[in-house]
Amino acid sequence: MTHSVDHIALEAASAAADKKAKDIVVLDIHDLTPVADYFVICSANSGTQVEAVARAVTDKMAQLGVPCRGTEGMDEARWVLLDFGDVVVHVFRPEEREFYHLERLWGDARQVPFEMAQ
């Protein structure tokens, strides 16, 4: 079954939420760059949690039949980037997220509503 890109982005966000990622933001960047259609940005409190969130997202995408094209940053687990083609997931430690502030950098992007399960 083929999934829409927005569904894939929201499923990635949901997988991150399942591992207690914080401040999850889904940005629609398709009108701004050819790099991807969506960024999913989230924070994790420790290197261990960053790795757990990244693994959970990768596992969920594999279940959906969406292969990971590339992974960066797992060795240091401070900012992990997961490339799923049209969806790129960024898992940050809080200090790196504050420093790079991708939400500000991509401030013209439309934020997609995402409700974390309570």
C-alpha atoms as a PDB file:
ATOM      1  CA  MET A   1       0.000   0.000   0.000  1.00  0.00           C
ATOM      2  CA  THR A   2       1.278   3.444  -0.889  1.00  0.00           C
ATOM      3  CA  HIS A   3       0.997   6.149   1.751  1.00  0.00           C
ATOM      4  CA  SER A   4       0.731   9.883   1.135  1.00  0.00           C
ATOM      5  CA  VAL A   5       3.736  11.955   2.089  1.00  0.00           C
ATOM      6  CA  ASP A   6       1.800  13.881   4.726  1.00  0.00           C
ATOM      7  CA  HIS A   7       0.685  10.570   6.278  1.00  0.00           C
ATOM      8  CA  ILE A   8       4.300   9.394   6.378  1.00  0.00           C
ATOM      9  CA  ALA A   9       5.393  12.626   8.084  1.00  0.00           C
ATOM     10  CA  LEU A  10       2.652  12.332  10.697  1.00  0.00           C
ATOM     11  CA  GLU A  11       3.477   8.663  11.304  1.00  0.00           C
ATOM     12  CA  ALA A  12       7.126   9.624  11.857  1.00  0.00           C
ATOM     13  CA  ALA A  13       6.004  12.268  14.362  1.00  0.00           C
ATOM     14  CA  SER A  14       3.778   9.724  16.089  1.00  0.00           C
ATOM     15  CA  ALA A  15       6.632   7.214  16.368  1.00  0.00           C
ATOM     16  CA  ALA A  16       8.783   9.935  17.957  1.00  0.00           C
ATOM     17  CA  ALA A  17       5.980  10.760  20.388  1.00  0.00           C
ATOM     18  CA  ASP A  18       5.739   7.081  21.340  1.00  0.00           C
ATOM     19  CA  LYS A  19       9.320   7.333  22.629  1.00  0.00           C
ATOM     20  CA  LYS A  20       8.512  10.503  24.590  1.00  0.00           C
ATOM     21  CA  ALA A  21      10.146  12.972  22.182  1.00  0.00           C
ATOM     22  CA  LYS A  22       9.257  16.550  23.076  1.00  0.00           C
ATOM     23  CA  ASP A  23       8.260  19.670  21.152  1.00  0.00           C
ATOM     24  CA  ILE A  24       7.419  17.770  17.974  1.00  0.00           C
ATOM     25  CA  VAL A  25       6.959  20.013  14.943  1.00  0.00           C
ATOM     26  CA  VAL A  26       5.976  18.947  11.422  1.00  0.00           C
ATOM     27  CA  LEU A  27       6.882  21.507   8.744  1.00  0.00           C
ATOM     28  CA  ASP A  28       5.552  21.455   5.187  1.00  0.00           C
ATOM     29  CA  ILE A  29       8.536  22.701   3.166  1.00  0.00           C
ATOM     30  CA  HIS A  30       7.559  21.449  -0.301  1.00  0.00           C
ATOM     31  CA  ASP A  31       7.053  24.983  -1.681  1.00  0.00           C
ATOM     32  CA  LEU A  32      10.369  26.189  -0.242  1.00  0.00           C
ATOM     33  CA  THR A  33      12.946  23.629  -1.343  1.00  0.00           C
ATOM     34  CA  PRO A  34      13.380  20.574  -3.555  1.00  0.00           C
ATOM     35  CA  VAL A  35      15.251  18.819  -0.721  1.00  0.00           C
ATOM     36  CA  ALA A  36      12.119  17.310   0.863  1.00  0.00           C
ATOM     37  CA  ASP A  37       8.411  17.878   1.339  1.00  0.00           C
ATOM     38  CA  TYR A  38       8.334  17.662   5.139  1.00  0.00           C
ATOM     39  CA  PHE A  39      10.645  18.102   8.091  1.00  0.00           C
ATOM     40  CA  VAL A  40       9.767  16.441  11.366  1.00  0.00           C
ATOM     41  CA  ILE A  41      11.680  18.092  14.202  1.00  0.00           C
ATOM     42  CA  CYS A  42      11.738  16.886  17.799  1.00  0.00           C
ATOM     43  CA  SER A  43      13.810  16.904  20.962  1.00  0.00           C
ATOM     44  CA  ALA A  44      15.060  14.134  23.234  1.00  0.00           C
ATOM     45  CA  ASN A  45      16.672  14.658  26.629  1.00  0.00           C
ATOM     46  CA  SER A  46      19.659  12.318  26.345  1.00  0.00           C
ATOM     47  CA  GLY A  47      21.808  10.565  23.810  1.00  0.00           C
ATOM     48  CA  THR A  48      20.110   7.303  24.709  1.00  0.00           C
ATOM     49  CA  GLN A  49      16.688   8.824  24.086  1.00  0.00           C
ATOM     50  CA  VAL A  50      17.852  10.395  20.798  1.00  0.00           C
ATOM     51  CA  GLU A  51      18.912   6.930  19.633  1.00  0.00           C
ATOM     52  CA  ALA A  52      15.652   5.354  20.842  1.00  0.00           C
ATOM     53  CA  VAL A  53      13.544   7.958  19.027  1.00  0.00           C
ATOM     54  CA  ALA A  54      15.587   7.544  15.837  1.00  0.00           C
ATOM     55  CA  ARG A  55      15.236   3.737  15.977  1.00  0.00           C
ATOM     56  CA  ALA A  56      11.492   3.965  16.618  1.00  0.00           C
ATOM     57  CA  VAL A  57      10.989   6.291  13.648  1.00  0.00           C
ATOM     58  CA  THR A  58      13.126   4.088  11.385  1.00  0.00           C
ATOM     59  CA  ASP A  59      11.231   0.972  12.501  1.00  0.00           C
ATOM     60  CA  LYS A  60       7.847   2.633  11.898  1.00  0.00           C
ATOM     61  CA  MET A  61       8.886   3.782   8.441  1.00  0.00           C
ATOM     62  CA  ALA A  62      10.094   0.254   7.615  1.00  0.00           C
ATOM     63  CA  GLN A  63       6.660  -1.079   8.647  1.00  0.00           C
ATOM     64  CA  LEU A  64       5.130   1.398   6.184  1.00  0.00           C
ATOM     65  CA  GLY A  65       7.542   0.302   3.452  1.00  0.00           C
ATOM     66  CA  VAL A  66       9.476   3.584   3.486  1.00  0.00           C
ATOM     67  CA  PRO A  67      13.225   2.884   3.426  1.00  0.00           C
ATOM     68  CA  CYS A  68      15.708   5.105   5.214  1.00  0.00           C
ATOM     69  CA  ARG A  69      18.014   6.556   2.556  1.00  0.00           C
ATOM     70  CA  GLY A  70      20.545   7.862   5.015  1.00  0.00           C
ATOM     71  CA  THR A  71      21.306   8.474   8.662  1.00  0.00           C
ATOM     72  CA  GLU A  72      23.683  11.033  10.129  1.00  0.00           C
ATOM     73  CA  GLY A  73      24.712  11.697  13.714  1.00  0.00           C
ATOM     74  CA  MET A  74      23.949   8.403  15.457  1.00  0.00           C
ATOM     75  CA  ASP A  75      27.525   8.074  16.744  1.00  0.00           C
ATOM     76  CA  GLU A  76      27.296  11.285  18.771  1.00  0.00           C
ATOM     77  CA  ALA A  77      23.494  11.194  19.276  1.00  0.00           C
ATOM     78  CA  ARG A  78      23.202  14.966  19.648  1.00  0.00           C
ATOM     79  CA  TRP A  79      21.444  15.673  16.347  1.00  0.00           C
ATOM     80  CA  VAL A  80      20.327  12.688  14.310  1.00  0.00           C
ATOM     81  CA  LEU A  81      19.065  13.221  10.789  1.00  0.00           C
ATOM     82  CA  LEU A  82      16.984  10.491   9.154  1.00  0.00           C
ATOM     83  CA  ASP A  83      16.391  10.814   5.405  1.00  0.00           C
ATOM     84  CA  PHE A  84      13.261   9.108   4.108  1.00  0.00           C
ATOM     85  CA  GLY A  85      13.281  10.960   0.800  1.00  0.00           C
ATOM     86  CA  ASP A  86      10.293  13.295   0.903  1.00  0.00           C
ATOM     87  CA  VAL A  87      10.352  13.297   4.722  1.00  0.00           C
ATOM     88  CA  VAL A  88      13.433  14.217   6.749  1.00  0.00           C
ATOM     89  CA  VAL A  89      13.374  13.666  10.510  1.00  0.00           C
ATOM     90  CA  HIS A  90      15.599  15.664  12.877  1.00  0.00           C
ATOM     91  CA  VAL A  91      16.016  14.376  16.444  1.00  0.00           C
ATOM     92  CA  PHE A  92      17.855  16.908  18.602  1.00  0.00           C
ATOM     93  CA  ARG A  93      19.232  17.198  22.074  1.00  0.00           C
ATOM     94  CA  PRO A  94      17.694  20.443  23.448  1.00  0.00           C
ATOM     95  CA  GLU A  95      20.904  22.491  23.289  1.00  0.00           C
ATOM     96  CA  GLU A  96      21.528  21.596  19.632  1.00  0.00           C
ATOM     97  CA  ARG A  97      17.934  22.320  18.709  1.00  0.00           C
ATOM     98  CA  GLU A  98      18.142  25.724  20.357  1.00  0.00           C
ATOM     99  CA  PHE A  99      21.436  26.489  18.601  1.00  0.00           C
ATOM    100  CA  TYR A 100      20.358  25.462  15.082  1.00  0.00           C
ATOM    101  CA  HIS A 101      16.703  26.509  15.507  1.00  0.00           C
ATOM    102  CA  LEU A 102      15.436  24.949  12.277  1.00  0.00           C
ATOM    103  CA  GLU A 103      11.938  26.271  12.940  1.00  0.00           C
ATOM    104  CA  ARG A 104      13.296  29.810  12.596  1.00  0.00           C
ATOM    105  CA  LEU A 105      15.472  28.932   9.605  1.00  0.00           C
ATOM    106  CA  TRP A 106      12.416  27.457   7.861  1.00  0.00           C
ATOM    107  CA  GLY A 107      10.090  30.120   9.256  1.00  0.00           C
ATOM    108  CA  ASP A 108       8.161  30.425   5.969  1.00  0.00           C
ATOM    109  CA  ALA A 109       7.117  26.773   6.159  1.00  0.00           C
ATOM    110  CA  ARG A 110       3.565  25.853   7.058  1.00  0.00           C
ATOM    111  CA  GLN A 111       3.363  24.035  10.374  1.00  0.00           C
ATOM    112  CA  VAL A 112       1.221  20.919  10.087  1.00  0.00           C
ATOM    113  CA  PRO A 113      -1.019  20.292  13.106  1.00  0.00           C
ATOM    114  CA  PHE A 114       0.148  17.302  15.096  1.00  0.00           C
ATOM    115  CA  GLU A 115      -1.508  16.244  18.321  1.00  0.00           C
ATOM    116  CA  MET A 116       0.580  14.048  20.564  1.00  0.00           C
ATOM    117  CA  ALA A 117      -1.328  11.276  22.270  1.00  0.00           C
ATOM    118  CA  GLN A 118      -1.689  11.895  25.973  1.00  0.00           C
END
